[in-house]
Amino acid sequence: MLLVRPSKLSDLPQIERMARSDGPVLHSLPPDRERLQQRVNDSVHSLRADVDCPGEESYLFVLEDTATGQLHGTAGIMAVAGYSEPFYAFRNEVLVHASRELKVNHRVHALVTSHELTGRSRLTGFYFDEAALGRGLALPQLLSRARMMFIAQHRERFNNEIFSVLPGVTDDNGRSPFWDAVGFKFFRRDFAEMELASGGRSRTFIAEMMQVDPLYVPLIAEEAQRVMGEPHAGARTNYRCHLAEGLEPDHFVDLFDAGPVLTAQLDVCRSVRYSRLHTARRGEVSGDTVPHLVSNTLTADFRCLLVDLPPLLGDEVVLPPEVADALEIVDGDAVRCVPLQTEGGR
């Protein structure tokens, strides 16, 4: 059985293995044992804390095969992006240049450095082992959307606006066309080096050295223009999971590699909008079923998994005993349920 649960320190060797796997560099999941340990520690302490409103908490969840103890993915949340320092991104703008005398009215696409995303909750650190689990979308959605079930249950810990920054296009050598055309000219450092040095994109050195005036897109190399807003090949599954949840590409692209930034209001997200609390009872499931995300209502002992259930029309839900055991619940406990495919999300 595959389930999503909070990470713990004993997971560190497996998390490091995933952080060092082939694929796009994840600045929110750095291949560095010390920083990963800090990330897990922060999650453990955040889950134990009493929270009335979002602050500097961060959470890291893992996808575990309960039969083997093997981990096959990670997914995280930052309660507030840029809590201590602004979070920067490029905002797409259209600037109008007009001259009545010359009878010219010209619109130019420009990128403007912005910290509008500061203060929103942020989805981070998504990794899914497609090599081990295949390329279907159900299990990646379990991993990605389980954290939305956690948010739905613990709304006081998060803001009403969320976003996610996906890795942009890089080649087999880790070269980013956009970084080479823009960022390198200001920092004189390779893309991979800057990814690790940025530590989550909220460093003040970005504001100190990066372009502050509008950056006119037609002046950027065509190769860099073509990749703006495009996800890395290794991030396409994550991109589809975000779309299934209800996030959409917005006005922003990443400051480093121009990867897509997806945003949403929490009340629009399907795991939040359509999930409901039900009273659990152990028993045999019968009738026509469809996949549901089902989670318990705990914090530090949060659990979420996929279960085939009939349409839930009442206050009670019948769960197979092995599912109830995995969720660590007893009869009469509340569970949160939502169909994997919801109205408007087919």
Protein backbone atom coordinates (compact mmCIF):
# COMPACT_ATOMS: atom_id res chain seq x y z
CA MET A 1 0.00 0.00 0.00
CA LEU A 2 1.26 3.46 -0.92
CA LEU A 3 0.49 6.32 1.43
CA VAL A 4 1.62 9.89 2.06
CA ARG A 5 2.84 10.84 5.54
CA PRO A 6 5.07 13.53 7.09
CA SER A 7 8.80 12.96 6.77
CA LYS A 8 10.98 11.99 9.73
CA LEU A 9 14.71 11.98 10.40
CA SER A 10 15.03 8.25 9.70
CA ASP A 11 13.90 9.02 6.12
CA LEU A 12 16.96 11.19 5.51
CA PRO A 13 19.09 8.64 3.55
CA GLN A 14 16.22 7.92 1.17
CA ILE A 15 15.33 11.60 0.79
CA GLU A 16 18.96 12.33 -0.07
CA ARG A 17 18.89 9.55 -2.66
CA MET A 18 15.86 11.15 -4.31
CA ALA A 19 17.40 14.62 -4.14
CA ARG A 20 20.46 13.30 -6.02
CA SER A 21 18.46 11.50 -8.71
CA ASP A 22 18.55 12.46 -12.37
CA GLY A 23 16.22 15.28 -13.34
CA PRO A 24 15.84 19.01 -12.81
CA VAL A 25 17.65 20.59 -9.89
CA LEU A 26 15.12 21.25 -7.12
CA HIS A 27 16.34 24.20 -5.08
CA SER A 28 13.66 23.29 -2.51
CA LEU A 29 15.10 19.76 -2.26
CA PRO A 30 18.88 20.36 -2.45
CA PRO A 31 21.27 17.38 -2.80
CA ASP A 32 22.99 18.33 0.43
CA ARG A 33 22.67 16.16 3.57
CA GLU A 34 22.91 19.06 6.04
CA ARG A 35 20.29 21.19 4.32
CA LEU A 36 17.97 18.23 3.83
CA GLN A 37 18.26 17.39 7.51
CA GLN A 38 17.34 20.97 8.34
CA ARG A 39 14.35 20.71 6.00
CA VAL A 40 13.11 17.55 7.74
CA ASN A 41 13.74 19.05 11.20
CA ASP A 42 11.80 22.17 10.27
CA SER A 43 8.89 19.98 9.15
CA VAL A 44 8.90 17.94 12.35
CA HIS A 45 8.92 21.07 14.52
CA SER A 46 6.24 22.77 12.41
CA LEU A 47 3.91 19.79 12.77
CA ARG A 48 4.35 19.80 16.54
CA ALA A 49 3.75 23.54 16.89
CA ASP A 50 0.42 25.10 17.82
CA VAL A 51 -0.34 27.46 14.94
CA ASP A 52 -3.07 30.09 14.86
CA CYS A 53 -1.89 31.84 11.71
CA PRO A 54 0.76 30.97 9.09
CA GLY A 55 4.37 31.94 9.71
CA GLU A 56 7.76 30.43 8.98
CA GLU A 57 6.53 26.82 9.19
CA SER A 58 7.42 24.35 6.46
CA TYR A 59 6.22 20.82 5.88
CA LEU A 60 7.73 17.90 3.98
CA PHE A 61 5.74 14.76 3.12
CA VAL A 62 6.90 11.47 1.63
CA LEU A 63 5.24 8.75 -0.45
CA GLU A 64 5.91 5.40 1.24
CA ASP A 65 5.33 1.80 0.22
CA THR A 66 4.17 0.42 3.57
CA ALA A 67 5.07 -3.16 2.61
CA THR A 68 8.76 -2.39 2.09
CA GLY A 69 9.34 0.98 3.78
CA GLN A 70 10.70 2.27 0.46
CA LEU A 71 10.10 5.96 -0.31
CA HIS A 72 9.09 6.91 -3.83
CA GLY A 73 8.49 10.65 -3.63
CA THR A 74 8.45 13.90 -1.69
CA ALA A 75 6.17 16.94 -1.63
CA GLY A 76 6.33 20.00 0.60
CA ILE A 77 4.60 23.19 1.63
CA MET A 78 5.96 26.52 2.87
CA ALA A 79 3.33 28.25 4.99
CA VAL A 80 4.55 31.69 3.88
CA ALA A 81 6.90 32.29 0.97
CA GLY A 82 9.45 34.96 1.72
CA TYR A 83 8.63 35.11 5.43
CA SER A 84 11.88 36.86 6.40
CA GLU A 85 13.00 38.12 2.96
CA PRO A 86 10.99 38.93 -0.18
CA PHE A 87 10.29 36.17 -2.69
CA TYR A 88 11.15 37.36 -6.19
CA ALA A 89 9.82 36.35 -9.61
CA PHE A 90 9.44 37.93 -13.03
CA ARG A 91 5.99 39.34 -13.79
CA ASN A 92 4.85 39.42 -17.41
CA GLU A 93 3.81 42.92 -18.42
CA VAL A 94 2.82 44.66 -21.64
CA LEU A 95 4.31 48.14 -21.98
CA VAL A 96 2.83 50.60 -24.47
CA HIS A 97 5.13 52.93 -26.43
CA ALA A 98 3.18 55.57 -28.33
CA SER A 99 3.94 58.69 -30.32
CA ARG A 100 1.17 60.82 -31.75
CA GLU A 101 3.57 62.66 -34.06
CA LEU A 102 4.99 59.45 -35.54
CA LYS A 103 1.59 57.73 -35.43
CA VAL A 104 3.12 54.83 -33.54
CA ASN A 105 1.38 52.75 -30.90
CA HIS A 106 3.45 49.73 -30.05
CA ARG A 107 2.98 47.12 -27.31
CA VAL A 108 6.09 45.41 -25.99
CA HIS A 109 6.24 42.29 -23.83
CA ALA A 110 8.46 42.93 -20.80
CA LEU A 111 9.53 41.12 -17.64
CA VAL A 112 9.47 43.11 -14.40
CA THR A 113 11.09 41.93 -11.16
CA SER A 114 8.31 41.49 -8.61
CA HIS A 115 7.82 40.30 -5.04
CA GLU A 116 4.01 40.03 -5.25
CA LEU A 117 4.19 36.33 -4.38
CA THR A 118 5.66 37.14 -0.98
CA GLY A 119 3.29 36.09 1.78
CA ARG A 120 1.44 33.41 -0.16
CA SER A 121 1.69 29.73 0.76
CA ARG A 122 3.91 27.78 -1.58
CA LEU A 123 3.97 24.17 -2.80
CA THR A 124 7.55 22.90 -3.03
CA GLY A 125 9.87 19.92 -3.22
CA PHE A 126 7.87 17.63 -5.51
CA TYR A 127 9.70 14.47 -6.58
CA PHE A 128 8.03 11.32 -7.91
CA ASP A 129 9.83 8.10 -8.85
CA GLU A 130 8.34 7.41 -12.27
CA ALA A 131 10.93 4.71 -12.96
CA ALA A 132 9.62 2.62 -10.05
CA LEU A 133 5.91 3.43 -10.15
CA GLY A 134 5.19 4.11 -13.82
CA ARG A 135 3.85 7.09 -15.73
CA GLY A 136 0.17 7.03 -14.74
CA LEU A 137 -1.22 10.14 -13.07
CA ALA A 138 -3.09 8.61 -10.11
CA LEU A 139 -0.08 8.07 -7.81
CA PRO A 140 1.57 11.42 -8.57
CA GLN A 141 -1.78 13.04 -7.82
CA LEU A 142 -1.90 11.19 -4.51
CA LEU A 143 1.50 12.64 -3.62
CA SER A 144 0.82 16.15 -4.87
CA ARG A 145 -2.77 16.49 -3.67
CA ALA A 146 -2.31 14.82 -0.27
CA ARG A 147 -0.68 18.04 0.91
CA MET A 148 -3.78 19.88 -0.28
CA MET A 149 -5.85 17.54 1.91
CA PHE A 150 -3.58 18.54 4.79
CA ILE A 151 -4.17 22.21 3.97
CA ALA A 152 -7.94 21.63 3.76
CA GLN A 153 -7.92 20.12 7.24
CA HIS A 154 -5.61 22.74 8.77
CA ARG A 155 -6.62 25.98 7.05
CA GLU A 156 -5.36 28.12 9.94
CA ARG A 157 -1.78 27.12 9.06
CA PHE A 158 -1.89 28.54 5.50
CA ASN A 159 -2.82 31.61 3.51
CA ASN A 160 -5.77 31.75 1.13
CA GLU A 161 -3.51 32.12 -1.91
CA ILE A 162 -1.00 29.47 -2.98
CA PHE A 163 1.52 29.09 -5.76
CA SER A 164 4.11 26.69 -7.08
CA VAL A 165 7.28 27.37 -9.08
CA LEU A 166 8.20 24.54 -11.44
CA PRO A 167 11.69 23.94 -12.85
CA GLY A 168 12.19 25.50 -16.27
CA VAL A 169 13.82 24.06 -19.36
CA THR A 170 17.45 22.94 -19.13
CA ASP A 171 19.49 20.70 -21.42
CA ASP A 172 21.22 17.41 -20.58
CA ASN A 173 24.17 19.32 -19.16
CA GLY A 174 22.02 21.42 -16.82
CA ARG A 175 22.34 24.52 -19.00
CA SER A 176 19.40 26.93 -18.90
CA PRO A 177 18.90 29.00 -22.08
CA PHE A 178 17.05 31.68 -20.15
CA TRP A 179 19.69 31.93 -17.42
CA ASP A 180 22.46 32.16 -20.01
CA ALA A 181 20.63 34.98 -21.78
CA VAL A 182 19.62 36.95 -18.68
CA GLY A 183 20.82 35.94 -15.22
CA PHE A 184 24.38 35.06 -16.17
CA LYS A 185 24.97 38.61 -17.36
CA PHE A 186 24.31 39.91 -13.84
CA PHE A 187 25.77 37.14 -11.66
CA ARG A 188 28.52 35.59 -13.82
CA ARG A 189 27.80 32.19 -12.31
CA ASP A 190 26.53 28.99 -13.87
CA PHE A 191 22.86 28.12 -13.49
CA ALA A 192 23.33 24.98 -11.35
CA GLU A 193 25.60 26.89 -8.96
CA MET A 194 23.06 29.66 -8.55
CA GLU A 195 20.20 27.17 -8.04
CA LEU A 196 21.91 25.79 -4.96
CA ALA A 197 23.18 29.14 -3.71
CA SER A 198 19.76 30.80 -3.90
CA GLY A 199 18.36 28.63 -1.11
CA GLY A 200 14.70 29.06 -2.07
CA ARG A 201 14.84 32.24 -4.17
CA SER A 202 14.29 34.67 -1.28
CA ARG A 203 17.87 35.86 -0.93
CA THR A 204 18.37 39.60 -0.81
CA PHE A 205 21.32 39.36 -3.22
CA ILE A 206 18.78 38.82 -6.00
CA ALA A 207 17.37 42.29 -5.45
CA GLU A 208 20.85 43.74 -5.03
CA MET A 209 22.19 42.46 -8.36
CA MET A 210 19.25 41.65 -10.63
CA GLN A 211 17.71 43.91 -13.26
CA VAL A 212 15.26 46.37 -11.67
CA ASP A 213 14.11 48.12 -14.85
CA PRO A 214 11.75 46.29 -17.21
CA LEU A 215 13.49 43.63 -19.28
CA TYR A 216 12.22 43.84 -22.87
CA VAL A 217 11.54 40.32 -24.11
CA PRO A 218 12.23 41.04 -27.83
CA LEU A 219 15.81 41.92 -26.84
CA ILE A 220 16.35 38.48 -25.26
CA ALA A 221 17.83 35.67 -27.35
CA GLU A 222 15.17 33.72 -29.25
CA GLU A 223 16.24 30.43 -27.64
CA ALA A 224 15.53 31.94 -24.23
CA GLN A 225 12.19 33.40 -25.35
CA ARG A 226 11.01 29.97 -26.53
CA VAL A 227 11.42 28.36 -23.10
CA MET A 228 9.69 31.08 -21.06
CA GLY A 229 6.86 29.52 -19.06
CA GLU A 230 7.73 25.98 -20.18
CA PRO A 231 8.29 23.26 -17.54
CA HIS A 232 11.33 21.01 -17.54
CA ALA A 233 10.64 17.59 -19.09
CA GLY A 234 11.06 16.06 -15.63
CA ALA A 235 8.43 18.43 -14.18
CA ARG A 236 5.60 17.74 -16.63
CA THR A 237 3.94 15.21 -14.33
CA ASN A 238 3.97 17.76 -11.52
CA TYR A 239 2.59 20.36 -13.93
CA ARG A 240 -0.35 18.08 -14.83
CA CYS A 241 -1.00 17.35 -11.14
CA HIS A 242 -1.22 21.07 -10.40
CA LEU A 243 -3.65 21.58 -13.27
CA ALA A 244 -5.78 18.69 -11.99
CA GLU A 245 -5.88 20.38 -8.57
CA GLY A 246 -6.99 23.68 -10.06
CA LEU A 247 -3.79 25.75 -10.14
CA GLU A 248 -3.18 27.69 -13.34
CA PRO A 249 -0.25 29.44 -15.02
CA ASP A 250 -0.43 33.07 -14.00
CA HIS A 251 1.38 36.30 -14.76
CA PHE A 252 4.72 35.12 -13.38
CA VAL A 253 7.75 33.10 -14.48
CA ASP A 254 10.74 32.06 -12.44
CA LEU A 255 13.53 34.58 -12.05
CA PHE A 256 16.26 32.04 -12.81
CA ASP A 257 15.11 29.72 -15.60
CA ALA A 258 11.71 31.25 -16.56
CA GLY A 259 9.91 28.10 -15.41
CA PRO A 260 6.13 28.37 -15.00
CA VAL A 261 4.55 29.76 -11.84
CA LEU A 262 1.10 28.32 -11.13
CA THR A 263 -1.28 30.05 -8.71
CA ALA A 264 -4.72 29.57 -7.19
CA GLN A 265 -7.06 30.64 -4.45
CA LEU A 266 -7.39 27.82 -1.91
CA ASP A 267 -11.18 27.75 -2.23
CA VAL A 268 -10.79 26.97 -5.94
CA CYS A 269 -8.48 23.99 -5.38
CA ARG A 270 -10.45 20.78 -5.85
CA SER A 271 -9.09 18.92 -2.82
CA VAL A 272 -10.16 21.86 -0.67
CA ARG A 273 -13.40 22.77 -2.42
CA TYR A 274 -14.85 19.27 -2.78
CA SER A 275 -13.41 17.32 0.17
CA ARG A 276 -15.78 16.52 3.05
CA LEU A 277 -15.47 15.05 6.51
CA HIS A 278 -17.11 11.66 7.05
CA THR A 279 -17.37 9.29 10.00
CA ALA A 280 -15.32 6.16 9.32
CA ARG A 281 -16.46 2.60 9.90
CA ARG A 282 -14.59 -0.61 9.06
CA GLY A 283 -16.31 -2.96 6.66
CA GLU A 284 -16.42 -4.41 3.18
CA VAL A 285 -16.77 -2.02 0.26
CA SER A 286 -19.39 -3.02 -2.32
CA GLY A 287 -20.94 -1.64 -5.46
CA ASP A 288 -19.42 0.49 -8.19
CA THR A 289 -16.39 2.38 -6.96
CA VAL A 290 -14.11 5.21 -8.08
CA PRO A 291 -10.73 6.31 -6.64
CA HIS A 292 -10.92 8.67 -3.66
CA LEU A 293 -8.28 10.51 -1.71
CA VAL A 294 -8.85 9.70 1.96
CA SER A 295 -6.90 11.25 4.86
CA ASN A 296 -7.13 11.31 8.61
CA THR A 297 -7.52 14.62 10.44
CA LEU A 298 -4.27 14.48 12.42
CA THR A 299 -1.27 16.77 12.16
CA ALA A 300 2.04 15.11 13.07
CA ASP A 301 0.49 11.69 12.31
CA PHE A 302 -1.22 12.78 9.09
CA ARG A 303 -1.85 9.98 6.59
CA CYS A 304 -3.42 10.05 3.12
CA LEU A 305 -3.96 7.34 0.52
CA LEU A 306 -6.02 6.33 -2.51
CA VAL A 307 -9.06 4.11 -1.90
CA ASP A 308 -11.69 2.78 -4.31
CA LEU A 309 -15.05 3.78 -2.80
CA PRO A 310 -18.64 4.13 -4.00
CA PRO A 311 -20.03 7.68 -4.26
CA LEU A 312 -20.25 9.15 -0.76
CA LEU A 313 -23.78 10.42 -0.22
CA GLY A 314 -24.09 10.35 3.56
CA ASP A 315 -22.08 11.24 6.63
CA GLU A 316 -20.57 7.76 6.99
CA VAL A 317 -17.86 6.08 4.92
CA VAL A 318 -17.04 2.38 5.02
CA LEU A 319 -13.31 1.65 4.77
CA PRO A 320 -11.56 -1.70 4.38
CA PRO A 321 -9.80 -2.71 7.64
CA GLU A 322 -6.33 -2.48 6.07
CA VAL A 323 -7.08 1.10 4.98
CA ALA A 324 -8.30 2.07 8.46
CA ASP A 325 -5.12 0.57 9.93
CA ALA A 326 -2.92 2.52 7.48
CA LEU A 327 -4.75 5.73 8.38
CA GLU A 328 -4.33 4.88 12.07
CA ILE A 329 -8.02 5.42 12.84
CA VAL A 330 -10.74 3.55 14.73
CA ASP A 331 -14.47 3.35 14.11
CA GLY A 332 -16.12 6.71 14.72
CA ASP A 333 -13.07 8.79 13.77
CA ALA A 334 -13.47 11.50 11.17
CA VAL A 335 -11.74 11.18 7.79
CA ARG A 336 -11.55 13.64 4.91
CA CYS A 337 -12.55 12.28 1.49
CA VAL A 338 -12.64 13.60 -2.06
CA PRO A 339 -13.01 11.82 -5.42
CA LEU A 340 -9.79 11.82 -7.41
CA GLN A 341 -11.79 13.14 -10.36
CA THR A 342 -14.11 15.89 -9.18
CA GLU A 343 -16.76 17.96 -10.91
CA GLY A 344 -14.98 20.31 -13.29
CA GLY A 345 -11.77 18.29 -12.94
CA ARG A 346 -12.44 15.49 -15.40
